[in-house]
């Protein structure tokens, strides 16, 4: 059976996810990042994100999720994306 391009893309994504899951240090790094962010926010700091290209959109979305309500009605968290075009041009 010949795979379509879409099926090949999903197979590749599956393989990458499996590789990621097999390296337990990836989860240690995620936990470390969570702790750094939480420590900053608890001490009245903020999260500053940035990116280039598609990652710029990810950085903006990440800051929006923190400063917005995300999944529940909660207090906004201090976050900004310096990739935001309004910040770049001001």
PDB file of N, CA and C in Angstrom:
ATOM      1  N   UNK A   1       0.842  -1.176   0.000  1.00  0.00           N
ATOM      2  CA  UNK A   1       0.000   0.000   0.000  1.00  0.00           C
ATOM      3  C   UNK A   1       0.890   1.243   0.000  1.00  0.00           C
ATOM      4  N   UNK A   2       0.650   2.091  -0.958  1.00  0.00           N
ATOM      5  CA  UNK A   2       1.413   3.324  -1.082  1.00  0.00           C
ATOM      6  C   UNK A   2       0.763   4.406  -0.209  1.00  0.00           C
ATOM      7  N   UNK A   3       1.586   5.075   0.602  1.00  0.00           N
ATOM      8  CA  UNK A   3       1.081   6.119   1.484  1.00  0.00           C
ATOM      9  C   UNK A   3       0.958   7.447   0.744  1.00  0.00           C
ATOM     10  N   UNK A   4      -0.066   8.192   1.089  1.00  0.00           N
ATOM     11  CA  UNK A   4      -0.205   9.542   0.552  1.00  0.00           C
ATOM     12  C   UNK A   4       0.788  10.455   1.285  1.00  0.00           C
ATOM     13  N   UNK A   5       0.986  11.655   0.756  1.00  0.00           N
ATOM     14  CA  UNK A   5       1.896  12.596   1.407  1.00  0.00           C
ATOM     15  C   UNK A   5       1.410  12.936   2.817  1.00  0.00           C
ATOM     16  N   UNK A   6       0.111  13.089   2.988  1.00  0.00           N
ATOM     17  CA  UNK A   6      -0.444  13.380   4.317  1.00  0.00           C
ATOM     18  C   UNK A   6      -0.142  12.247   5.286  1.00  0.00           C
ATOM     19  N   UNK A   7      -0.304  11.016   4.829  1.00  0.00           N
ATOM     20  CA  UNK A   7      -0.018   9.867   5.687  1.00  0.00           C
ATOM     21  C   UNK A   7       1.472   9.817   6.046  1.00  0.00           C
ATOM     22  N   UNK A   8       2.342  10.136   5.072  1.00  0.00           N
ATOM     23  CA  UNK A   8       3.778  10.184   5.346  1.00  0.00           C
ATOM     24  C   UNK A   8       4.096  11.243   6.395  1.00  0.00           C
ATOM     25  N   UNK A   9       3.434  12.390   6.294  1.00  0.00           N
ATOM     26  CA  UNK A   9       3.663  13.462   7.262  1.00  0.00           C
ATOM     27  C   UNK A   9       3.256  13.035   8.667  1.00  0.00           C
ATOM     28  N   UNK A  10       2.123  12.356   8.776  1.00  0.00           N
ATOM     29  CA  UNK A  10       1.677  11.887  10.087  1.00  0.00           C
ATOM     30  C   UNK A  10       2.593  10.788  10.626  1.00  0.00           C
ATOM     31  N   UNK A  11       3.081   9.927   9.767  1.00  0.00           N
ATOM     32  CA  UNK A  11       4.030   8.879  10.187  1.00  0.00           C
ATOM     33  C   UNK A  11       5.311   9.523  10.717  1.00  0.00           C
ATOM     34  N   UNK A  12       5.784  10.553  10.018  1.00  0.00           N
ATOM     35  CA  UNK A  12       6.992  11.250  10.461  1.00  0.00           C
ATOM     36  C   UNK A  12       6.763  11.915  11.817  1.00  0.00           C
ATOM     37  N   UNK A  13       5.607  12.545  11.984  1.00  0.00           N
ATOM     38  CA  UNK A  13       5.274  13.178  13.259  1.00  0.00           C
ATOM     39  C   UNK A  13       5.208  12.142  14.375  1.00  0.00           C
ATOM     40  N   UNK A  14       4.647  10.979  14.074  1.00  0.00           N
ATOM     41  CA  UNK A  14       4.561   9.892  15.051  1.00  0.00           C
ATOM     42  C   UNK A  14       5.956   9.428  15.462  1.00  0.00           C
ATOM     43  N   UNK A  15       6.839   9.283  14.494  1.00  0.00           N
ATOM     44  CA  UNK A  15       8.206   8.855  14.788  1.00  0.00           C
ATOM     45  C   UNK A  15       8.937   9.875  15.654  1.00  0.00           C
ATOM     46  N   UNK A  16       8.758  11.161  15.344  1.00  0.00           N
ATOM     47  CA  UNK A  16       9.396  12.213  16.135  1.00  0.00           C
ATOM     48  C   UNK A  16       8.861  12.239  17.561  1.00  0.00           C
ATOM     49  N   UNK A  17       7.550  12.065  17.705  1.00  0.00           N
ATOM     50  CA  UNK A  17       6.963  12.027  19.036  1.00  0.00           C
ATOM     51  C   UNK A  17       7.482  10.829  19.824  1.00  0.00           C
ATOM     52  N   UNK A  18       7.584   9.684  19.177  1.00  0.00           N
ATOM     53  CA  UNK A  18       8.125   8.497  19.843  1.00  0.00           C
ATOM     54  C   UNK A  18       9.568   8.712  20.277  1.00  0.00           C
ATOM     55  N   UNK A  19      10.376   9.329  19.409  1.00  0.00           N
ATOM     56  CA  UNK A  19      11.765   9.644  19.771  1.00  0.00           C
ATOM     57  C   UNK A  19      11.802  10.567  20.982  1.00  0.00           C
ATOM     58  N   UNK A  20      10.972  11.584  20.956  1.00  0.00           N
ATOM     59  CA  UNK A  20      10.914  12.535  22.064  1.00  0.00           C
ATOM     60  C   UNK A  20      10.538  11.822  23.359  1.00  0.00           C
ATOM     61  N   UNK A  21       9.512  10.980  23.314  1.00  0.00           N
ATOM     62  CA  UNK A  21       9.029  10.275  24.498  1.00  0.00           C
ATOM     63  C   UNK A  21      10.052   9.299  25.063  1.00  0.00           C
ATOM     64  N   UNK A  22      10.906   8.759  24.225  1.00  0.00           N
ATOM     65  CA  UNK A  22      11.897   7.780  24.677  1.00  0.00           C
ATOM     66  C   UNK A  22      13.065   8.409  25.436  1.00  0.00           C
ATOM     67  N   UNK A  23      13.268   9.701  25.271  1.00  0.00           N
ATOM     68  CA  UNK A  23      14.359  10.391  25.963  1.00  0.00           C
ATOM     69  C   UNK A  23      13.789  11.085  27.198  1.00  0.00           C
ATOM     70  N   UNK A  24      13.945  10.458  28.365  1.00  0.00           N
ATOM     71  CA  UNK A  24      13.348  10.989  29.584  1.00  0.00           C
ATOM     72  C   UNK A  24      13.916  12.349  29.972  1.00  0.00           C
ATOM     73  N   UNK A  25      15.087  12.693  29.470  1.00  0.00           N
ATOM     74  CA  UNK A  25      15.650  14.010  29.804  1.00  0.00           C
ATOM     75  C   UNK A  25      14.804  15.136  29.218  1.00  0.00           C
ATOM     76  N   UNK A  26      14.050  14.852  28.159  1.00  0.00           N
ATOM     77  CA  UNK A  26      13.146  15.868  27.601  1.00  0.00           C
ATOM     78  C   UNK A  26      12.126  16.313  28.644  1.00  0.00           C
ATOM     79  N   UNK A  27      11.605  15.370  29.404  1.00  0.00           N
ATOM     80  CA  UNK A  27      10.607  15.689  30.415  1.00  0.00           C
ATOM     81  C   UNK A  27      11.239  16.413  31.594  1.00  0.00           C
ATOM     82  N   UNK A  28      12.484  16.088  31.898  1.00  0.00           N
ATOM     83  CA  UNK A  28      13.217  16.820  32.941  1.00  0.00           C
ATOM     84  C   UNK A  28      13.403  18.278  32.532  1.00  0.00           C
ATOM     85  N   UNK A  29      13.706  18.500  31.264  1.00  0.00           N
ATOM     86  CA  UNK A  29      13.883  19.873  30.757  1.00  0.00           C
ATOM     87  C   UNK A  29      12.576  20.650  30.802  1.00  0.00           C
ATOM     88  N   UNK A  30      11.475  19.996  30.473  1.00  0.00           N
ATOM     89  CA  UNK A  30      10.166  20.648  30.536  1.00  0.00           C
ATOM     90  C   UNK A  30       9.849  21.024  31.984  1.00  0.00           C
ATOM     91  N   UNK A  31      10.081  20.106  32.899  1.00  0.00           N
ATOM     92  CA  UNK A  31       9.831  20.371  34.318  1.00  0.00           C
ATOM     93  C   UNK A  31      10.701  21.523  34.811  1.00  0.00           C
ATOM     94  N   UNK A  32      11.945  21.561  34.381  1.00  0.00           N
ATOM     95  CA  UNK A  32      12.844  22.647  34.767  1.00  0.00           C
ATOM     96  C   UNK A  32      12.314  23.992  34.247  1.00  0.00           C
ATOM     97  N   UNK A  33      11.861  24.023  33.015  1.00  0.00           N
ATOM     98  CA  UNK A  33      11.298  25.253  32.444  1.00  0.00           C
ATOM     99  C   UNK A  33      10.056  25.689  33.224  1.00  0.00           C
ATOM    100  N   UNK A  34       9.214  24.734  33.589  1.00  0.00           N
ATOM    101  CA  UNK A  34       8.011  25.044  34.374  1.00  0.00           C
ATOM    102  C   UNK A  34       8.407  25.688  35.694  1.00  0.00           C
ATOM    103  N   UNK A  35       9.408  25.118  36.345  1.00  0.00           N
ATOM    104  CA  UNK A  35       9.852  25.652  37.633  1.00  0.00           C
ATOM    105  C   UNK A  35      10.422  27.063  37.499  1.00  0.00           C
ATOM    106  N   UNK A  36      11.175  27.315  36.442  1.00  0.00           N
ATOM    107  CA  UNK A  36      11.734  28.657  36.204  1.00  0.00           C
ATOM    108  C   UNK A  36      10.611  29.669  35.996  1.00  0.00           C
ATOM    109  N   UNK A  37       9.633  29.314  35.190  1.00  0.00           N
ATOM    110  CA  UNK A  37       8.501  30.203  34.927  1.00  0.00           C
ATOM    111  C   UNK A  37       7.708  30.446  36.205  1.00  0.00           C
ATOM    112  N   UNK A  38       7.413  29.389  36.951  1.00  0.00           N
ATOM    113  CA  UNK A  38       6.634  29.528  38.184  1.00  0.00           C
ATOM    114  C   UNK A  38       7.372  30.388  39.204  1.00  0.00           C
ATOM    115  N   UNK A  39       8.670  30.193  39.335  1.00  0.00           N
ATOM    116  CA  UNK A  39       9.467  30.994  40.270  1.00  0.00           C
ATOM    117  C   UNK A  39       9.420  32.467  39.885  1.00  0.00           C
ATOM    118  N   UNK A  40       9.539  32.755  38.614  1.00  0.00           N
ATOM    119  CA  UNK A  40       9.477  34.131  38.140  1.00  0.00           C
ATOM    120  C   UNK A  40       8.129  34.758  38.462  1.00  0.00           C
ATOM    121  N   UNK A  41       7.052  34.066  38.155  1.00  0.00           N
ATOM    122  CA  UNK A  41       5.721  34.612  38.387  1.00  0.00           C
ATOM    123  C   UNK A  41       5.435  34.782  39.873  1.00  0.00           C
ATOM    124  N   UNK A  42       5.893  33.839  40.697  1.00  0.00           N
ATOM    125  CA  UNK A  42       5.663  33.934  42.153  1.00  0.00           C
ATOM    126  C   UNK A  42       6.417  35.105  42.771  1.00  0.00           C
ATOM    127  N   UNK A  43       7.505  35.528  42.154  1.00  0.00           N
ATOM    128  CA  UNK A  43       8.274  36.652  42.698  1.00  0.00           C
ATOM    129  C   UNK A  43       7.986  37.940  41.930  1.00  0.00           C
ATOM    130  N   UNK A  44       6.765  38.020  41.387  1.00  0.00           N
ATOM    131  CA  UNK A  44       6.277  39.200  40.654  1.00  0.00           C
ATOM    132  C   UNK A  44       7.078  39.513  39.401  1.00  0.00           C
ATOM    133  N   UNK A  45       7.701  38.508  38.824  1.00  0.00           N
ATOM    134  CA  UNK A  45       8.377  38.663  37.542  1.00  0.00           C
ATOM    135  C   UNK A  45       7.395  38.418  36.419  1.00  0.00           C
ATOM    136  N   UNK A  46       7.930  38.309  35.231  1.00  0.00           N
ATOM    137  CA  UNK A  46       7.066  38.043  34.079  1.00  0.00           C
ATOM    138  C   UNK A  46       7.755  37.067  33.144  1.00  0.00           C
ATOM    139  N   UNK A  47       6.988  36.528  32.242  1.00  0.00           N
ATOM    140  CA  UNK A  47       7.491  35.628  31.212  1.00  0.00           C
ATOM    141  C   UNK A  47       7.617  36.440  29.931  1.00  0.00           C
ATOM    142  N   UNK A  48       8.803  36.442  29.357  1.00  0.00           N
ATOM    143  CA  UNK A  48       9.046  37.133  28.098  1.00  0.00           C
ATOM    144  C   UNK A  48       9.403  36.074  27.067  1.00  0.00           C
ATOM    145  N   UNK A  49       8.635  36.016  25.998  1.00  0.00           N
ATOM    146  CA  UNK A  49       8.887  35.023  24.956  1.00  0.00           C
ATOM    147  C   UNK A  49       9.214  35.728  23.647  1.00  0.00           C
ATOM    148  N   UNK A  50       9.909  35.009  22.781  1.00  0.00           N
ATOM    149  CA  UNK A  50      10.236  35.556  21.465  1.00  0.00           C
ATOM    150  C   UNK A  50      10.396  34.400  20.488  1.00  0.00           C
ATOM    151  N   UNK A  51      10.413  34.720  19.227  1.00  0.00           N
ATOM    152  CA  UNK A  51      10.584  33.702  18.212  1.00  0.00           C
ATOM    153  C   UNK A  51      10.840  34.339  16.865  1.00  0.00           C
ATOM    154  N   UNK A  52      11.118  33.488  15.896  1.00  0.00           N
ATOM    155  CA  UNK A  52      11.427  33.925  14.542  1.00  0.00           C
ATOM    156  C   UNK A  52      10.611  33.062  13.585  1.00  0.00           C
ATOM    157  N   UNK A  53       9.971  33.690  12.632  1.00  0.00           N
ATOM    158  CA  UNK A  53       9.152  32.929  11.691  1.00  0.00           C
ATOM    159  C   UNK A  53       7.931  32.355  12.378  1.00  0.00           C
ATOM    160  N   UNK A  54       7.682  31.075  12.159  1.00  0.00           N
ATOM    161  CA  UNK A  54       6.537  30.414  12.782  1.00  0.00           C
ATOM    162  C   UNK A  54       6.646  30.402  14.290  1.00  0.00           C
ATOM    163  N   UNK A  55       7.874  30.356  14.800  1.00  0.00           N
ATOM    164  CA  UNK A  55       8.078  30.383  16.244  1.00  0.00           C
ATOM    165  C   UNK A  55       7.661  31.720  16.843  1.00  0.00           C
ATOM    166  N   UNK A  56       7.698  32.777  16.025  1.00  0.00           N
ATOM    167  CA  UNK A  56       7.221  34.083  16.489  1.00  0.00           C
ATOM    168  C   UNK A  56       5.739  33.988  16.834  1.00  0.00           C
ATOM    169  N   UNK A  57       4.990  33.315  15.999  1.00  0.00           N
ATOM    170  CA  UNK A  57       3.564  33.124  16.270  1.00  0.00           C
ATOM    171  C   UNK A  57       3.364  32.261  17.510  1.00  0.00           C
ATOM    172  N   UNK A  58       4.188  31.238  17.678  1.00  0.00           N
ATOM    173  CA  UNK A  58       4.116  30.397  18.878  1.00  0.00           C
ATOM    174  C   UNK A  58       4.394  31.223  20.127  1.00  0.00           C
ATOM    175  N   UNK A  59       5.410  32.096  20.071  1.00  0.00           N
ATOM    176  CA  UNK A  59       5.763  32.941  21.208  1.00  0.00           C
ATOM    177  C   UNK A  59       4.622  33.880  21.560  1.00  0.00           C
ATOM    178  N   UNK A  60       4.001  34.462  20.555  1.00  0.00           N
ATOM    179  CA  UNK A  60       2.875  35.358  20.793  1.00  0.00           C
ATOM    180  C   UNK A  60       1.698  34.591  21.394  1.00  0.00           C
ATOM    181  N   UNK A  61       1.429  33.411  20.870  1.00  0.00           N
ATOM    182  CA  UNK A  61       0.321  32.601  21.363  1.00  0.00           C
ATOM    183  C   UNK A  61       0.579  32.175  22.811  1.00  0.00           C
ATOM    184  N   UNK A  62       1.814  31.805  23.126  1.00  0.00           N
ATOM    185  CA  UNK A  62       2.177  31.397  24.485  1.00  0.00           C
ATOM    186  C   UNK A  62       1.912  32.542  25.464  1.00  0.00           C
ATOM    187  N   UNK A  63       2.363  33.749  25.120  1.00  0.00           N
ATOM    188  CA  UNK A  63       2.140  34.913  25.985  1.00  0.00           C
ATOM    189  C   UNK A  63       0.648  35.197  26.132  1.00  0.00           C
ATOM    190  N   UNK A  64      -0.100  35.032  25.059  1.00  0.00           N
ATOM    191  CA  UNK A  64      -1.547  35.257  25.117  1.00  0.00           C
ATOM    192  C   UNK A  64      -2.236  34.249  26.023  1.00  0.00           C
ATOM    193  N   UNK A  65      -1.791  32.997  25.974  1.00  0.00           N
ATOM    194  CA  UNK A  65      -2.387  31.967  26.844  1.00  0.00           C
ATOM    195  C   UNK A  65      -2.131  32.279  28.309  1.00  0.00           C
ATOM    196  N   UNK A  66      -0.941  32.795  28.623  1.00  0.00           N
ATOM    197  CA  UNK A  66      -0.631  33.124  30.009  1.00  0.00           C
ATOM    198  C   UNK A  66      -1.360  34.378  30.472  1.00  0.00           C
ATOM    199  N   UNK A  67      -1.405  35.395  29.633  1.00  0.00           N
ATOM    200  CA  UNK A  67      -2.008  36.660  30.039  1.00  0.00           C
ATOM    201  C   UNK A  67      -3.529  36.671  29.862  1.00  0.00           C
ATOM    202  N   UNK A  68      -4.047  35.721  29.110  1.00  0.00           N
ATOM    203  CA  UNK A  68      -5.495  35.584  28.955  1.00  0.00           C
ATOM    204  C   UNK A  68      -6.044  34.589  29.955  1.00  0.00           C
ATOM    205  N   UNK A  69      -7.213  34.108  29.708  1.00  0.00           N
ATOM    206  CA  UNK A  69      -7.875  33.216  30.669  1.00  0.00           C
ATOM    207  C   UNK A  69      -7.604  31.743  30.414  1.00  0.00           C
ATOM    208  N   UNK A  70      -7.048  31.416  29.281  1.00  0.00           N
ATOM    209  CA  UNK A  70      -6.748  30.030  28.895  1.00  0.00           C
ATOM    210  C   UNK A  70      -7.987  29.161  29.053  1.00  0.00           C
ATOM    211  N   UNK A  71      -7.994  28.195  29.951  1.00  0.00           N
ATOM    212  CA  UNK A  71      -9.115  27.247  30.036  1.00  0.00           C
ATOM    213  C   UNK A  71     -10.119  27.580  31.131  1.00  0.00           C
ATOM    214  N   UNK A  72      -9.782  28.485  32.010  1.00  0.00           N
ATOM    215  CA  UNK A  72     -10.706  28.809  33.095  1.00  0.00           C
ATOM    216  C   UNK A  72     -10.638  30.299  33.398  1.00  0.00           C
ATOM    217  N   UNK A  73     -11.594  30.749  34.177  1.00  0.00           N
ATOM    218  CA  UNK A  73     -11.630  32.154  34.563  1.00  0.00           C
ATOM    219  C   UNK A  73     -10.626  32.349  35.695  1.00  0.00           C
ATOM    220  N   UNK A  74      -9.457  32.841  35.361  1.00  0.00           N
ATOM    221  CA  UNK A  74      -8.402  33.026  36.354  1.00  0.00           C
ATOM    222  C   UNK A  74      -7.703  34.350  36.123  1.00  0.00           C
ATOM    223  N   UNK A  75      -6.958  34.759  37.122  1.00  0.00           N
ATOM    224  CA  UNK A  75      -6.193  35.989  37.030  1.00  0.00           C
ATOM    225  C   UNK A  75      -5.148  35.849  35.919  1.00  0.00           C
ATOM    226  N   UNK A  76      -4.950  36.932  35.175  1.00  0.00           N
ATOM    227  CA  UNK A  76      -3.948  36.922  34.110  1.00  0.00           C
ATOM    228  C   UNK A  76      -2.555  36.783  34.712  1.00  0.00           C
ATOM    229  N   UNK A  77      -1.683  36.070  34.020  1.00  0.00           N
ATOM    230  CA  UNK A  77      -0.291  35.942  34.419  1.00  0.00           C
ATOM    231  C   UNK A  77       0.532  36.928  33.603  1.00  0.00           C
ATOM    232  N   UNK A  78       1.586  37.473  34.215  1.00  0.00           N
ATOM    233  CA  UNK A  78       2.405  38.494  33.552  1.00  0.00           C
ATOM    234  C   UNK A  78       3.244  37.857  32.447  1.00  0.00           C
ATOM    235  N   UNK A  79       2.886  38.128  31.213  1.00  0.00           N
ATOM    236  CA  UNK A  79       3.604  37.567  30.071  1.00  0.00           C
ATOM    237  C   UNK A  79       3.494  38.500  28.883  1.00  0.00           C
ATOM    238  N   UNK A  80       4.558  38.559  28.108  1.00  0.00           N
ATOM    239  CA  UNK A  80       4.566  39.369  26.901  1.00  0.00           C
ATOM    240  C   UNK A  80       5.490  38.700  25.888  1.00  0.00           C
ATOM    241  N   UNK A  81       5.153  38.859  24.643  1.00  0.00           N
ATOM    242  CA  UNK A  81       6.018  38.361  23.578  1.00  0.00           C
ATOM    243  C   UNK A  81       6.716  39.551  22.934  1.00  0.00           C
ATOM    244  N   UNK A  82       8.036  39.567  22.970  1.00  0.00           N
ATOM    245  CA  UNK A  82       8.751  40.667  22.327  1.00  0.00           C
ATOM    246  C   UNK A  82       8.791  40.483  20.816  1.00  0.00           C
ATOM    247  N   UNK A  83       8.217  39.391  20.344  1.00  0.00           N
ATOM    248  CA  UNK A  83       8.064  39.180  18.907  1.00  0.00           C
ATOM    249  C   UNK A  83       6.845  39.908  18.370  1.00  0.00           C
ATOM    250  N   UNK A  84       5.999  40.373  19.274  1.00  0.00           N
ATOM    251  CA  UNK A  84       4.771  41.048  18.880  1.00  0.00           C
ATOM    252  C   UNK A  84       5.125  42.273  18.033  1.00  0.00           C
ATOM    253  N   UNK A  85       4.519  42.382  16.889  1.00  0.00           N
ATOM    254  CA  UNK A  85       4.860  43.470  15.960  1.00  0.00           C
ATOM    255  C   UNK A  85       4.673  44.855  16.586  1.00  0.00           C
ATOM    256  N   UNK A  86       3.748  44.987  17.504  1.00  0.00           N
ATOM    257  CA  UNK A  86       3.564  46.290  18.154  1.00  0.00           C
ATOM    258  C   UNK A  86       4.747  46.619  19.050  1.00  0.00           C
ATOM    259  N   UNK A  87       5.388  45.612  19.628  1.00  0.00           N
ATOM    260  CA  UNK A  87       6.578  45.855  20.441  1.00  0.00           C
ATOM    261  C   UNK A  87       7.807  46.132  19.580  1.00  0.00           C
ATOM    262  N   UNK A  88       7.892  45.464  18.465  1.00  0.00           N
ATOM    263  CA  UNK A  88       9.038  45.643  17.573  1.00  0.00           C
ATOM    264  C   UNK A  88       9.042  47.050  16.991  1.00  0.00           C
ATOM    265  N   UNK A  89       7.867  47.567  16.670  1.00  0.00           N
ATOM    266  CA  UNK A  89       7.782  48.843  15.960  1.00  0.00           C
ATOM    267  C   UNK A  89       7.600  50.063  16.858  1.00  0.00           C
ATOM    268  N   UNK A  90       7.480  49.868  18.159  1.00  0.00           N
ATOM    269  CA  UNK A  90       7.240  51.038  19.014  1.00  0.00           C
ATOM    270  C   UNK A  90       8.508  51.811  19.319  1.00  0.00           C
TER     271      UNK A  90
END
